């Protein structure tokens, strides 16, 4: 994941000025909050979050479908 260094916000700054975090999210799309100088949290707007969750669900569904199709004979035997 590429991280824009202009969207890195230390935890103390995020705690003291959350409106700055929100403004950066509006301008840049995402903010990475640092804890102990390491990326720890990502703040995104709710629409982006929903899109990420939808992609995640789709990937999980595809992975499950693939596992079932690759192992259908074993599942049939176990189902007896």
Protein backbone atom coordinates (compact mmCIF):
# COMPACT_ATOMS: atom_id res chain seq x y z
CA UNK A 1 0.00 0.00 0.00
CA UNK A 2 1.36 3.37 -0.98
CA UNK A 3 1.18 5.90 1.84
CA UNK A 4 1.14 9.61 1.14
CA UNK A 5 3.44 11.17 3.73
CA UNK A 6 1.18 14.23 3.82
CA UNK A 7 -1.59 12.09 5.28
CA UNK A 8 0.43 10.73 8.21
CA UNK A 9 -0.85 12.07 11.51
CA UNK A 10 0.66 11.26 14.90
CA UNK A 11 -1.82 9.90 17.47
CA UNK A 12 -1.35 12.91 19.73
CA UNK A 13 -2.25 15.30 16.89
CA UNK A 14 -5.28 13.17 15.97
CA UNK A 15 -6.46 13.24 19.59
CA UNK A 16 -5.98 16.97 19.95
CA UNK A 17 -7.34 18.03 16.56
CA UNK A 18 -9.64 15.42 15.03
CA UNK A 19 -11.11 18.06 12.71
CA UNK A 20 -7.68 18.18 11.03
CA UNK A 21 -7.91 14.42 10.43
CA UNK A 22 -11.40 14.75 8.96
CA UNK A 23 -10.31 17.62 6.71
CA UNK A 24 -7.39 15.53 5.42
CA UNK A 25 -9.70 12.59 4.74
CA UNK A 26 -11.99 14.91 2.76
CA UNK A 27 -9.03 16.25 0.77
CA UNK A 28 -6.86 13.14 0.38
CA UNK A 29 -9.30 10.24 0.74
CA UNK A 30 -7.55 8.59 3.69
CA UNK A 31 -5.38 9.36 6.69
CA UNK A 32 -2.93 7.07 8.44
CA UNK A 33 -2.65 7.61 12.18
CA UNK A 34 0.71 6.75 13.68
CA UNK A 35 1.13 5.21 17.10
CA UNK A 36 4.69 5.08 18.40
CA UNK A 37 5.82 6.32 14.95
CA UNK A 38 4.31 3.28 13.21
CA UNK A 39 1.21 3.18 10.99
CA UNK A 40 -1.58 1.85 13.18
CA UNK A 41 -4.96 3.11 11.96
CA UNK A 42 -6.50 4.25 8.69
CA UNK A 43 -9.37 6.73 8.60
CA UNK A 44 -11.46 6.77 5.42
CA UNK A 45 -14.84 8.23 4.58
CA UNK A 46 -17.83 5.92 5.00
CA UNK A 47 -18.43 5.45 1.27
CA UNK A 48 -14.86 4.21 0.82
CA UNK A 49 -15.28 1.91 3.82
CA UNK A 50 -18.42 0.38 2.28
CA UNK A 51 -16.58 -0.18 -1.00
CA UNK A 52 -13.71 -1.89 0.81
CA UNK A 53 -16.14 -4.13 2.70
CA UNK A 54 -17.94 -5.05 -0.53
CA UNK A 55 -14.65 -5.98 -2.23
CA UNK A 56 -13.64 -8.03 0.79
CA UNK A 57 -16.94 -9.92 0.81
CA UNK A 58 -16.63 -10.60 -2.91
CA UNK A 59 -13.09 -11.93 -2.53
CA UNK A 60 -14.15 -14.19 0.34
CA UNK A 61 -17.10 -15.50 -1.67
CA UNK A 62 -14.85 -16.25 -4.65
CA UNK A 63 -12.32 -18.01 -2.42
CA UNK A 64 -15.07 -20.11 -0.83
CA UNK A 65 -16.53 -21.01 -4.21
CA UNK A 66 -13.09 -22.02 -5.47
CA UNK A 67 -12.41 -24.21 -2.44
CA UNK A 68 -15.76 -25.95 -2.80
CA UNK A 69 -15.36 -26.52 -6.54
CA UNK A 70 -11.82 -27.87 -6.13
CA UNK A 71 -12.89 -30.25 -3.37
CA UNK A 72 -16.46 -31.14 -4.34
CA UNK A 73 -15.78 -34.89 -4.45
CA UNK A 74 -14.34 -34.86 -0.93
CA UNK A 75 -17.36 -32.91 0.32
CA UNK A 76 -19.72 -35.43 -1.29
CA UNK A 77 -17.93 -38.29 0.47
CA UNK A 78 -18.04 -36.47 3.81
CA UNK A 79 -21.75 -35.70 3.34
CA UNK A 80 -22.69 -39.42 3.17
